[in-house]
PDB file of N, CA and C in Angstrom:
ATOM      1  N   MET A   1     110.835 121.839 141.475  1.00  0.00           N
ATOM      2  CA  MET A   1     111.596 120.626 141.665  1.00  0.00           C
ATOM      3  C   MET A   1     111.089 119.839 142.879  1.00  0.00           C
ATOM      4  N   LYS A   2     110.453 120.566 143.809  1.00  0.00           N
ATOM      5  CA  LYS A   2     109.958 119.905 145.004  1.00  0.00           C
ATOM      6  C   LYS A   2     108.889 118.873 144.658  1.00  0.00           C
ATOM      7  N   LEU A   3     107.986 119.216 143.738  1.00  0.00           N
ATOM      8  CA  LEU A   3     106.935 118.287 143.339  1.00  0.00           C
ATOM      9  C   LEU A   3     107.540 117.024 142.730  1.00  0.00           C
ATOM     10  N   ILE A   4     108.525 117.192 141.880  1.00  0.00           N
ATOM     11  CA  ILE A   4     109.161 116.034 141.247  1.00  0.00           C
ATOM     12  C   ILE A   4     109.782 115.129 142.293  1.00  0.00           C
ATOM     13  N   SER A   5     110.464 115.694 143.274  1.00  0.00           N
ATOM     14  CA  SER A   5     111.122 114.866 144.287  1.00  0.00           C
ATOM     15  C   SER A   5     110.101 114.143 145.169  1.00  0.00           C
ATOM     16  N   ASN A   6     108.858 114.616 145.176  1.00  0.00           N
ATOM     17  CA  ASN A   6     107.814 113.884 145.896  1.00  0.00           C
ATOM     18  C   ASN A   6     107.392 112.637 145.134  1.00  0.00           C
ATOM     19  N   TRP A   7     107.578 112.645 143.819  1.00  0.00           N
ATOM     20  CA  TRP A   7     107.194 111.497 142.996  1.00  0.00           C
ATOM     21  C   TRP A   7     108.216 110.380 143.091  1.00  0.00           C
ATOM     22  N   THR A   8     109.498 110.730 142.983  1.00  0.00           N
ATOM     23  CA  THR A   8     110.551 109.727 142.929  1.00  0.00           C
ATOM     24  C   THR A   8     111.889 110.370 143.252  1.00  0.00           C
ATOM     25  N   LYS A   9     112.813 109.559 143.731  1.00  0.00           N
ATOM     26  CA  LYS A   9     114.189 110.030 143.952  1.00  0.00           C
ATOM     27  C   LYS A   9     115.070 109.671 142.750  1.00  0.00           C
ATOM     28  N   ASP A  10     114.528 108.911 141.811  1.00  0.00           N
ATOM     29  CA  ASP A  10     115.276 108.464 140.633  1.00  0.00           C
ATOM     30  C   ASP A  10     114.618 109.046 139.387  1.00  0.00           C
ATOM     31  N   PHE A  11     114.936 110.288 139.090  1.00  0.00           N
ATOM     32  CA  PHE A  11     114.305 110.997 137.987  1.00  0.00           C
ATOM     33  C   PHE A  11     115.334 111.259 136.901  1.00  0.00           C
ATOM     34  N   ASN A  12     115.013 110.848 135.665  1.00  0.00           N
ATOM     35  CA  ASN A  12     115.889 111.062 134.519  1.00  0.00           C
ATOM     36  C   ASN A  12     115.132 111.811 133.432  1.00  0.00           C
ATOM     37  N   ILE A  13     115.866 112.613 132.675  1.00  0.00           N
ATOM     38  CA  ILE A  13     115.304 113.253 131.490  1.00  0.00           C
ATOM     39  C   ILE A  13     115.973 112.609 130.286  1.00  0.00           C
ATOM     40  N   PHE A  14     115.166 111.992 129.423  1.00  0.00           N
ATOM     41  CA  PHE A  14     115.668 111.366 128.199  1.00  0.00           C
ATOM     42  C   PHE A  14     115.414 112.321 127.038  1.00  0.00           C
ATOM     43  N   THR A  15     116.475 112.813 126.412  1.00  0.00           N
ATOM     44  CA  THR A  15     116.338 113.831 125.368  1.00  0.00           C
ATOM     45  C   THR A  15     116.316 113.250 123.957  1.00  0.00           C
ATOM     46  N   ASN A  16     116.638 111.968 123.818  1.00  0.00           N
ATOM     47  CA  ASN A  16     116.671 111.319 122.497  1.00  0.00           C
ATOM     48  C   ASN A  16     117.657 112.028 121.566  1.00  0.00           C
ATOM     49  N   GLY A  17     118.831 112.314 122.075  1.00  0.00           N
ATOM     50  CA  GLY A  17     119.872 113.015 121.328  1.00  0.00           C
ATOM     51  C   GLY A  17     120.345 114.212 122.137  1.00  0.00           C
ATOM     52  N   ASP A  18     121.190 115.014 121.526  1.00  0.00           N
ATOM     53  CA  ASP A  18     121.750 116.166 122.224  1.00  0.00           C
ATOM     54  C   ASP A  18     120.647 117.056 122.781  1.00  0.00           C
ATOM     55  N   SER A  19     120.825 117.462 124.036  1.00  0.00           N
ATOM     56  CA  SER A  19     119.822 118.318 124.671  1.00  0.00           C
ATOM     57  C   SER A  19     120.084 119.774 124.319  1.00  0.00           C
ATOM     58  N   SER A  20     119.081 120.590 124.548  1.00  0.00           N
ATOM     59  CA  SER A  20     119.226 122.033 124.305  1.00  0.00           C
ATOM     60  C   SER A  20     119.228 122.796 125.629  1.00  0.00           C
ATOM     61  N   PHE A  21     119.486 122.087 126.734  1.00  0.00           N
ATOM     62  CA  PHE A  21     119.549 122.744 128.030  1.00  0.00           C
ATOM     63  C   PHE A  21     120.744 123.687 128.091  1.00  0.00           C
ATOM     64  N   THR A  22     120.556 124.822 128.733  1.00  0.00           N
ATOM     65  CA  THR A  22     121.664 125.749 128.948  1.00  0.00           C
ATOM     66  C   THR A  22     122.533 125.208 130.079  1.00  0.00           C
ATOM     67  N   PHE A  23     123.705 125.806 130.247  1.00  0.00           N
ATOM     68  CA  PHE A  23     124.597 125.411 131.331  1.00  0.00           C
ATOM     69  C   PHE A  23     123.900 125.575 132.676  1.00  0.00           C
ATOM     70  N   ASP A  24     123.211 126.710 132.865  1.00  0.00           N
ATOM     71  CA  ASP A  24     122.514 126.967 134.130  1.00  0.00           C
ATOM     72  C   ASP A  24     121.395 125.965 134.381  1.00  0.00           C
ATOM     73  N   GLN A  25     120.663 125.591 133.329  1.00  0.00           N
ATOM     74  CA  GLN A  25     119.601 124.590 133.486  1.00  0.00           C
ATOM     75  C   GLN A  25     120.190 123.244 133.882  1.00  0.00           C
ATOM     76  N   LYS A  26     121.289 122.854 133.228  1.00  0.00           N
ATOM     77  CA  LYS A  26     121.937 121.579 133.565  1.00  0.00           C
ATOM     78  C   LYS A  26     122.431 121.594 135.007  1.00  0.00           C
ATOM     79  N   LYS A  27     122.985 122.724 135.411  1.00  0.00           N
ATOM     80  CA  LYS A  27     123.488 122.869 136.774  1.00  0.00           C
ATOM     81  C   LYS A  27     122.357 122.703 137.791  1.00  0.00           C
ATOM     82  N   LYS A  28     121.204 123.307 137.511  1.00  0.00           N
ATOM     83  CA  LYS A  28     120.052 123.205 138.418  1.00  0.00           C
ATOM     84  C   LYS A  28     119.524 121.770 138.478  1.00  0.00           C
ATOM     85  N   LEU A  29     119.436 121.118 137.325  1.00  0.00           N
ATOM     86  CA  LEU A  29     118.980 119.726 137.307  1.00  0.00           C
ATOM     87  C   LEU A  29     119.945 118.836 138.092  1.00  0.00           C
ATOM     88  N   HIS A  30     121.250 119.036 137.877  1.00  0.00           N
ATOM     89  CA  HIS A  30     122.267 118.250 138.592  1.00  0.00           C
ATOM     90  C   HIS A  30     122.154 118.465 140.107  1.00  0.00           C
ATOM     91  N   LYS A  31     121.911 119.710 140.508  1.00  0.00           N
ATOM     92  CA  LYS A  31     121.758 120.044 141.932  1.00  0.00           C
ATOM     93  C   LYS A  31     120.625 119.239 142.559  1.00  0.00           C
ATOM     94  N   HIS A  32     119.589 118.958 141.773  1.00  0.00           N
ATOM     95  CA  HIS A  32     118.432 118.205 142.271  1.00  0.00           C
ATOM     96  C   HIS A  32     118.520 116.719 141.919  1.00  0.00           C
ATOM     97  N   HIS A  33     119.717 116.280 141.540  1.00  0.00           N
ATOM     98  CA  HIS A  33     119.986 114.864 141.246  1.00  0.00           C
ATOM     99  C   HIS A  33     119.136 114.327 140.095  1.00  0.00           C
ATOM    100  N   ILE A  34     118.865 115.187 139.120  1.00  0.00           N
ATOM    101  CA  ILE A  34     118.118 114.777 137.931  1.00  0.00           C
ATOM    102  C   ILE A  34     119.119 114.583 136.806  1.00  0.00           C
ATOM    103  N   LYS A  35     119.187 113.345 136.297  1.00  0.00           N
ATOM    104  CA  LYS A  35     120.145 113.010 135.239  1.00  0.00           C
ATOM    105  C   LYS A  35     119.559 113.322 133.861  1.00  0.00           C
ATOM    106  N   ILE A  36     120.417 113.831 132.990  1.00  0.00           N
ATOM    107  CA  ILE A  36     120.046 114.057 131.593  1.00  0.00           C
ATOM    108  C   ILE A  36     120.709 112.949 130.781  1.00  0.00           C
ATOM    109  N   ILE A  37     119.895 112.157 130.101  1.00  0.00           N
ATOM    110  CA  ILE A  37     120.409 111.051 129.289  1.00  0.00           C
ATOM    111  C   ILE A  37     120.132 111.389 127.830  1.00  0.00           C
ATOM    112  N   GLU A  38     121.223 111.612 127.067  1.00  0.00           N
ATOM    113  CA  GLU A  38     121.105 112.111 125.703  1.00  0.00           C
ATOM    114  C   GLU A  38     121.203 111.011 124.645  1.00  0.00           C
ATOM    115  N   ASN A  39     121.261 109.760 125.065  1.00  0.00           N
ATOM    116  CA  ASN A  39     121.330 108.652 124.105  1.00  0.00           C
ATOM    117  C   ASN A  39     120.099 108.659 123.194  1.00  0.00           C
ATOM    118  N   LYS A  40     120.300 108.262 121.938  1.00  0.00           N
ATOM    119  CA  LYS A  40     119.182 108.158 120.989  1.00  0.00           C
ATOM    120  C   LYS A  40     118.370 106.909 121.335  1.00  0.00           C
ATOM    121  N   ILE A  41     117.070 107.097 121.450  1.00  0.00           N
ATOM    122  CA  ILE A  41     116.166 105.996 121.808  1.00  0.00           C
ATOM    123  C   ILE A  41     115.831 105.181 120.559  1.00  0.00           C
ATOM    124  N   GLU A  42     115.983 103.878 120.684  1.00  0.00           N
ATOM    125  CA  GLU A  42     115.630 102.980 119.584  1.00  0.00           C
ATOM    126  C   GLU A  42     114.233 102.408 119.776  1.00  0.00           C
ATOM    127  N   GLN A  43     113.905 102.057 121.034  1.00  0.00           N
ATOM    128  CA  GLN A  43     112.640 101.360 121.265  1.00  0.00           C
ATOM    129  C   GLN A  43     112.239 101.451 122.735  1.00  0.00           C
ATOM    130  N   LEU A  44     110.945 101.451 122.962  1.00  0.00           N
ATOM    131  CA  LEU A  44     110.404 101.334 124.315  1.00  0.00           C
ATOM    132  C   LEU A  44     109.843  99.928 124.450  1.00  0.00           C
ATOM    133  N   GLU A  45     110.231  99.230 125.499  1.00  0.00           N
ATOM    134  CA  GLU A  45     109.705  97.884 125.737  1.00  0.00           C
ATOM    135  C   GLU A  45     108.602  97.973 126.787  1.00  0.00           C
ATOM    136  N   GLN A  46     107.530  97.219 126.558  1.00  0.00           N
ATOM    137  CA  GLN A  46     106.408  97.241 127.489  1.00  0.00           C
ATOM    138  C   GLN A  46     106.005  95.831 127.869  1.00  0.00           C
ATOM    139  N   TYR A  47     105.297  95.739 128.972  1.00  0.00           N
ATOM    140  CA  TYR A  47     104.716  94.482 129.418  1.00  0.00           C
ATOM    141  C   TYR A  47     103.317  94.804 129.903  1.00  0.00           C
ATOM    142  N   ASN A  48     102.318  94.158 129.304  1.00  0.00           N
ATOM    143  CA  ASN A  48     100.907  94.404 129.643  1.00  0.00           C
ATOM    144  C   ASN A  48     100.544  95.889 129.562  1.00  0.00           C
ATOM    145  N   GLY A  49     101.087  96.573 128.571  1.00  0.00           N
ATOM    146  CA  GLY A  49     100.746  97.979 128.361  1.00  0.00           C
ATOM    147  C   GLY A  49     101.518  98.972 129.208  1.00  0.00           C
ATOM    148  N   HIS A  50     102.469  98.508 129.990  1.00  0.00           N
ATOM    149  CA  HIS A  50     103.278  99.393 130.839  1.00  0.00           C
ATOM    150  C   HIS A  50     104.714  99.400 130.329  1.00  0.00           C
ATOM    151  N   VAL A  51     105.270 100.595 130.106  1.00  0.00           N
ATOM    152  CA  VAL A  51     106.648 100.702 129.636  1.00  0.00           C
ATOM    153  C   VAL A  51     107.576 100.209 130.738  1.00  0.00           C
ATOM    154  N   LYS A  52     108.497  99.327 130.380  1.00  0.00           N
ATOM    155  CA  LYS A  52     109.408  98.736 131.364  1.00  0.00           C
ATOM    156  C   LYS A  52     110.871  99.062 131.087  1.00  0.00           C
ATOM    157  N   ASN A  53     111.239  99.201 129.812  1.00  0.00           N
ATOM    158  CA  ASN A  53     112.637  99.457 129.450  1.00  0.00           C
ATOM    159  C   ASN A  53     112.721 100.444 128.311  1.00  0.00           C
ATOM    160  N   ILE A  54     113.778 101.232 128.340  1.00  0.00           N
ATOM    161  CA  ILE A  54     114.112 102.070 127.199  1.00  0.00           C
ATOM    162  C   ILE A  54     115.385 101.488 126.596  1.00  0.00           C
ATOM    163  N   LEU A  55     115.303 101.100 125.329  1.00  0.00           N
ATOM    164  CA  LEU A  55     116.468 100.576 124.609  1.00  0.00           C
ATOM    165  C   LEU A  55     117.042 101.697 123.760  1.00  0.00           C
ATOM    166  N   PHE A  56     118.361 101.841 123.802  1.00  0.00           N
ATOM    167  CA  PHE A  56     119.026 102.901 123.053  1.00  0.00           C
ATOM    168  C   PHE A  56     119.740 102.340 121.839  1.00  0.00           C
ATOM    169  N   GLU A  57     120.014 103.202 120.867  1.00  0.00           N
ATOM    170  CA  GLU A  57     120.680 102.780 119.634  1.00  0.00           C
ATOM    171  C   GLU A  57     122.064 102.193 119.889  1.00  0.00           C
ATOM    172  N   ASP A  58     122.709 102.612 120.974  1.00  0.00           N
ATOM    173  CA  ASP A  58     124.057 102.099 121.269  1.00  0.00           C
ATOM    174  C   ASP A  58     124.030 100.734 121.953  1.00  0.00           C
ATOM    175  N   GLY A  59     122.831 100.139 122.114  1.00  0.00           N
ATOM    176  CA  GLY A  59     122.702  98.812 122.705  1.00  0.00           C
ATOM    177  C   GLY A  59     122.460  98.813 124.200  1.00  0.00           C
ATOM    178  N   THR A  60     122.580  99.949 124.860  1.00  0.00           N
ATOM    179  CA  THR A  60     122.316 100.003 126.296  1.00  0.00           C
ATOM    180  C   THR A  60     120.818 100.127 126.540  1.00  0.00           C
ATOM    181  N   ASN A  61     120.419  99.880 127.787  1.00  0.00           N
ATOM    182  CA  ASN A  61     119.010 100.047 128.143  1.00  0.00           C
ATOM    183  C   ASN A  61     118.897 100.493 129.588  1.00  0.00           C
ATOM    184  N   ILE A  62     117.751 101.044 129.912  1.00  0.00           N
ATOM    185  CA  ILE A  62     117.453 101.471 131.276  1.00  0.00           C
ATOM    186  C   ILE A  62     116.058 100.983 131.624  1.00  0.00           C
ATOM    187  N   ARG A  63     115.962 100.327 132.776  1.00  0.00           N
ATOM    188  CA  ARG A  63     114.665  99.871 133.280  1.00  0.00           C
ATOM    189  C   ARG A  63     113.980 101.066 133.939  1.00  0.00           C
ATOM    190  N   ILE A  64     112.693 101.214 133.657  1.00  0.00           N
ATOM    191  CA  ILE A  64     111.935 102.330 134.228  1.00  0.00           C
ATOM    192  C   ILE A  64     110.623 101.838 134.812  1.00  0.00           C
ATOM    193  N   GLU A  65     110.091 102.605 135.735  1.00  0.00           N
ATOM    194  CA  GLU A  65     108.802 102.301 136.365  1.00  0.00           C
ATOM    195  C   GLU A  65     107.681 103.118 135.731  1.00  0.00           C
ATOM    196  N   ALA A  66     108.015 104.311 135.255  1.00  0.00           N
ATOM    197  CA  ALA A  66     107.004 105.202 134.663  1.00  0.00           C
ATOM    198  C   ALA A  66     107.700 106.097 133.651  1.00  0.00           C
ATOM    199  N   ILE A  67     106.909 106.636 132.731  1.00  0.00           N
ATOM    200  CA  ILE A  67     107.448 107.557 131.736  1.00  0.00           C
ATOM    201  C   ILE A  67     106.425 108.669 131.518  1.00  0.00           C
ATOM    202  N   TYR A  68     106.914 109.879 131.465  1.00  0.00           N
ATOM    203  CA  TYR A  68     106.066 111.043 131.203  1.00  0.00           C
ATOM    204  C   TYR A  68     106.588 111.692 129.942  1.00  0.00           C
ATOM    205  N   ALA A  69     105.717 111.917 129.006  1.00  0.00           N
ATOM    206  CA  ALA A  69     106.122 112.500 127.726  1.00  0.00           C
ATOM    207  C   ALA A  69     105.111 113.538 127.299  1.00  0.00           C
ATOM    208  N   PRO A  70     105.591 114.626 126.703  1.00  0.00           N
ATOM    209  CA  PRO A  70     104.626 115.611 126.197  1.00  0.00           C
ATOM    210  C   PRO A  70     103.864 115.022 125.027  1.00  0.00           C
ATOM    211  N   SER A  71     102.573 115.203 125.035  1.00  0.00           N
ATOM    212  CA  SER A  71     101.794 114.687 123.920  1.00  0.00           C
ATOM    213  C   SER A  71     101.478 115.827 122.957  1.00  0.00           C
ATOM    214  N   PRO A  72     101.464 115.526 121.683  1.00  0.00           N
ATOM    215  CA  PRO A  72     101.171 116.579 120.706  1.00  0.00           C
ATOM    216  C   PRO A  72      99.777 117.152 120.924  1.00  0.00           C
ATOM    217  N   PHE A  73      99.629 118.426 120.642  1.00  0.00           N
ATOM    218  CA  PHE A  73      98.350 119.095 120.845  1.00  0.00           C
ATOM    219  C   PHE A  73      97.897 119.701 119.529  1.00  0.00           C
ATOM    220  N   GLU A  74      96.610 119.597 119.272  1.00  0.00           N
ATOM    221  CA  GLU A  74      96.035 120.176 118.061  1.00  0.00           C
ATOM    222  C   GLU A  74      94.700 120.802 118.432  1.00  0.00           C
ATOM    223  N   GLN A  75      94.480 122.033 117.970  1.00  0.00           N
ATOM    224  CA  GLN A  75      93.181 122.671 118.203  1.00  0.00           C
ATOM    225  C   GLN A  75      92.102 121.814 117.533  1.00  0.00           C
ATOM    226  N   HIS A  76      90.962 121.695 118.171  1.00  0.00           N
ATOM    227  CA  HIS A  76      89.899 120.843 117.643  1.00  0.00           C
ATOM    228  C   HIS A  76      89.028 121.537 116.602  1.00  0.00           C
ATOM    229  N   CYS A  77      89.224 122.836 116.444  1.00  0.00           N
ATOM    230  CA  CYS A  77      88.479 123.562 115.418  1.00  0.00           C
ATOM    231  C   CYS A  77      89.327 124.739 114.939  1.00  0.00           C
ATOM    232  N   LYS A  78      88.898 125.365 113.887  1.00  0.00           N
ATOM    233  CA  LYS A  78      89.644 126.476 113.288  1.00  0.00           C
ATOM    234  C   LYS A  78      89.144 127.844 113.768  1.00  0.00           C
ATOM    235  N   ILE A  79      88.186 127.871 114.684  1.00  0.00           N
ATOM    236  CA  ILE A  79      87.600 129.143 115.124  1.00  0.00           C
ATOM    237  C   ILE A  79      88.661 130.113 115.652  1.00  0.00           C
ATOM    238  N   PRO A  80      89.580 129.689 116.525  1.00  0.00           N
ATOM    239  CA  PRO A  80      90.583 130.654 116.996  1.00  0.00           C
ATOM    240  C   PRO A  80      91.390 131.281 115.844  1.00  0.00           C
ATOM    241  N   GLU A  81      91.787 130.466 114.878  1.00  0.00           N
ATOM    242  CA  GLU A  81      92.543 130.987 113.729  1.00  0.00           C
ATOM    243  C   GLU A  81      91.682 131.913 112.873  1.00  0.00           C
ATOM    244  N   ILE A  82      90.438 131.531 112.648  1.00  0.00           N
ATOM    245  CA  ILE A  82      89.523 132.352 111.854  1.00  0.00           C
ATOM    246  C   ILE A  82      89.323 133.718 112.508  1.00  0.00           C
ATOM    247  N   MET A  83      89.274 133.724 113.837  1.00  0.00           N
ATOM    248  CA  MET A  83      89.094 134.978 114.562  1.00  0.00           C
ATOM    249  C   MET A  83      90.376 135.809 114.617  1.00  0.00           C
ATOM    250  N   GLY A  84      91.495 135.198 114.241  1.00  0.00           N
ATOM    251  CA  GLY A  84      92.749 135.943 114.199  1.00  0.00           C
ATOM    252  C   GLY A  84      93.729 135.625 115.306  1.00  0.00           C
ATOM    253  N   CYS A  85      93.460 134.584 116.086  1.00  0.00           N
ATOM    254  CA  CYS A  85      94.401 134.204 117.134  1.00  0.00           C
ATOM    255  C   CYS A  85      95.674 133.651 116.508  1.00  0.00           C
ATOM    256  N   GLU A  86      96.797 134.069 117.049  1.00  0.00           N
ATOM    257  CA  GLU A  86      98.061 133.481 116.629  1.00  0.00           C
ATOM    258  C   GLU A  86      98.217 132.164 117.378  1.00  0.00           C
ATOM    259  N   ILE A  87      98.697 131.146 116.670  1.00  0.00           N
ATOM    260  CA  ILE A  87      98.871 129.816 117.253  1.00  0.00           C
ATOM    261  C   ILE A  87     100.367 129.576 117.428  1.00  0.00           C
ATOM    262  N   THR A  88     100.769 129.046 118.585  1.00  0.00           N
ATOM    263  CA  THR A  88     102.184 128.764 118.838  1.00  0.00           C
ATOM    264  C   THR A  88     102.630 127.540 118.048  1.00  0.00           C
ATOM    265  N   ASP A  89     103.936 127.313 118.013  1.00  0.00           N
ATOM    266  CA  ASP A  89     104.475 126.126 117.331  1.00  0.00           C
ATOM    267  C   ASP A  89     103.945 124.836 117.951  1.00  0.00           C
ATOM    268  N   GLU A  90     103.588 124.890 119.238  1.00  0.00           N
ATOM    269  CA  GLU A  90     103.074 123.705 119.933  1.00  0.00           C
ATOM    270  C   GLU A  90     101.581 123.500 119.698  1.00  0.00           C
ATOM    271  N   GLY A  91     100.911 124.467 119.028  1.00  0.00           N
ATOM    272  CA  GLY A  91      99.501 124.317 118.703  1.00  0.00           C
ATOM    273  C   GLY A  91      98.546 125.030 119.645  1.00  0.00           C
ATOM    274  N   TYR A  92      99.088 125.754 120.624  1.00  0.00           N
ATOM    275  CA  TYR A  92      98.243 126.462 121.583  1.00  0.00           C
ATOM    276  C   TYR A  92      97.963 127.890 121.111  1.00  0.00           C
ATOM    277  N   ILE A  93      96.911 128.485 121.643  1.00  0.00           N
ATOM    278  CA  ILE A  93      96.600 129.877 121.350  1.00  0.00           C
ATOM    279  C   ILE A  93      97.619 130.746 122.079  1.00  0.00           C
ATOM    280  N   LYS A  94      98.280 131.628 121.338  1.00  0.00           N
ATOM    281  CA  LYS A  94      99.314 132.481 121.919  1.00  0.00           C
ATOM    282  C   LYS A  94      98.662 133.553 122.799  1.00  0.00           C
ATOM    283  N   ILE A  95      99.212 133.700 124.011  1.00  0.00           N
ATOM    284  CA  ILE A  95      98.735 134.732 124.940  1.00  0.00           C
ATOM    285  C   ILE A  95      99.928 135.502 125.489  1.00  0.00           C
ATOM    286  N   ASP A  96      99.628 136.684 126.036  1.00  0.00           N
ATOM    287  CA  ASP A  96     100.699 137.477 126.646  1.00  0.00           C
ATOM    288  C   ASP A  96     100.644 137.331 128.172  1.00  0.00           C
ATOM    289  N   GLN A  97     101.425 138.164 128.875  1.00  0.00           N
ATOM    290  CA  GLN A  97     101.490 138.068 130.333  1.00  0.00           C
ATOM    291  C   GLN A  97     100.139 138.342 130.995  1.00  0.00           C
ATOM    292  N   SER A  98      99.265 139.068 130.303  1.00  0.00           N
ATOM    293  CA  SER A  98      97.926 139.364 130.844  1.00  0.00           C
ATOM    294  C   SER A  98      96.897 138.330 130.407  1.00  0.00           C
ATOM    295  N   PHE A  99      97.363 137.248 129.781  1.00  0.00           N
ATOM    296  CA  PHE A  99      96.507 136.166 129.287  1.00  0.00           C
ATOM    297  C   PHE A  99      95.587 136.635 128.170  1.00  0.00           C
ATOM    298  N   GLU A 100      96.021 137.654 127.435  1.00  0.00           N
ATOM    299  CA  GLU A 100      95.250 138.133 126.297  1.00  0.00           C
ATOM    300  C   GLU A 100      95.792 137.500 125.025  1.00  0.00           C
ATOM    301  N   THR A 101      94.893 137.195 124.114  1.00  0.00           N
ATOM    302  CA  THR A 101      95.295 136.619 122.832  1.00  0.00           C
ATOM    303  C   THR A 101      95.819 137.718 121.916  1.00  0.00           C
ATOM    304  N   THR A 102      96.178 137.332 120.716  1.00  0.00           N
ATOM    305  CA  THR A 102      96.686 138.300 119.744  1.00  0.00           C
ATOM    306  C   THR A 102      95.572 138.970 118.943  1.00  0.00           C
ATOM    307  N   ILE A 103      94.315 138.647 119.259  1.00  0.00           N
ATOM    308  CA  ILE A 103      93.192 139.303 118.578  1.00  0.00           C
ATOM    309  C   ILE A 103      93.103 140.738 119.071  1.00  0.00           C
ATOM    310  N   LYS A 104      93.058 141.670 118.164  1.00  0.00           N
ATOM    311  CA  LYS A 104      92.895 143.075 118.522  1.00  0.00           C
ATOM    312  C   LYS A 104      91.422 143.325 118.853  1.00  0.00           C
ATOM    313  N   VAL A 105      91.158 144.116 119.865  1.00  0.00           N
ATOM    314  CA  VAL A 105      89.785 144.398 120.293  1.00  0.00           C
ATOM    315  C   VAL A 105      88.968 144.967 119.138  1.00  0.00           C
ATOM    316  N   SER A 106      89.558 145.842 118.326  1.00  0.00           N
ATOM    317  CA  SER A 106      88.817 146.434 117.210  1.00  0.00           C
ATOM    318  C   SER A 106      88.391 145.363 116.206  1.00  0.00           C
ATOM    319  N   LEU A 107      89.255 144.385 115.959  1.00  0.00           N
ATOM    320  CA  LEU A 107      88.922 143.291 115.049  1.00  0.00           C
ATOM    321  C   LEU A 107      87.796 142.447 115.641  1.00  0.00           C
ATOM    322  N   LEU A 108      87.874 142.177 116.922  1.00  0.00           N
ATOM    323  CA  LEU A 108      86.849 141.384 117.586  1.00  0.00           C
ATOM    324  C   LEU A 108      85.493 142.094 117.514  1.00  0.00           C
ATOM    325  N   LEU A 109      85.471 143.400 117.739  1.00  0.00           N
ATOM    326  CA  LEU A 109      84.224 144.159 117.636  1.00  0.00           C
ATOM    327  C   LEU A 109      83.676 144.122 116.215  1.00  0.00           C
ATOM    328  N   GLU A 110      84.567 144.235 115.233  1.00  0.00           N
ATOM    329  CA  GLU A 110      84.145 144.181 113.826  1.00  0.00           C
ATOM    330  C   GLU A 110      83.500 142.844 113.502  1.00  0.00           C
ATOM    331  N   ILE A 111      84.090 141.771 113.972  1.00  0.00           N
ATOM    332  CA  ILE A 111      83.558 140.423 113.746  1.00  0.00           C
ATOM    333  C   ILE A 111      82.184 140.294 114.394  1.00  0.00           C
ATOM    334  N   MET A 112      82.059 140.795 115.613  1.00  0.00           N
ATOM    335  CA  MET A 112      80.792 140.690 116.339  1.00  0.00           C
ATOM    336  C   MET A 112      79.698 141.534 115.677  1.00  0.00           C
ATOM    337  N   LEU A 113      80.071 142.698 115.131  1.00  0.00           N
ATOM    338  CA  LEU A 113      79.080 143.589 114.531  1.00  0.00           C
ATOM    339  C   LEU A 113      78.606 143.118 113.155  1.00  0.00           C
ATOM    340  N   ARG A 114      79.340 142.214 112.521  1.00  0.00           N
ATOM    341  CA  ARG A 114      78.954 141.684 111.197  1.00  0.00           C
ATOM    342  C   ARG A 114      77.643 140.931 111.260  1.00  0.00           C
ATOM    343  N   LYS A 115      77.290 140.416 112.408  1.00  0.00           N
ATOM    344  CA  LYS A 115      76.084 139.603 112.554  1.00  0.00           C
ATOM    345  C   LYS A 115      74.956 140.525 112.684  1.00  0.00           C
TER     346      LYS A 115
END
């Protein structure tokens, strides 16, 4: 939260509908003065390529200076899947706490020995 507060003192999270934050998560965000706005977004208004307003379905709007949004991710090739890597719902290669993929070492050796 410290990094975020270095960016701005006016930080909002727009969920575009009901959020899935837990009570504890909401409490932590509130403690750091981060507002959760659950209104459904109708449109983003821009000027010269910069987002300036968020218009909501209920007719309200909020002026903003910047917006950060997760961008969809897609693997650029099928090699990880072909090798047996499990892919997460977000499109990333699944790893464990040791940063290991779901490929079994024996399978990897078999693939390498085929050549």
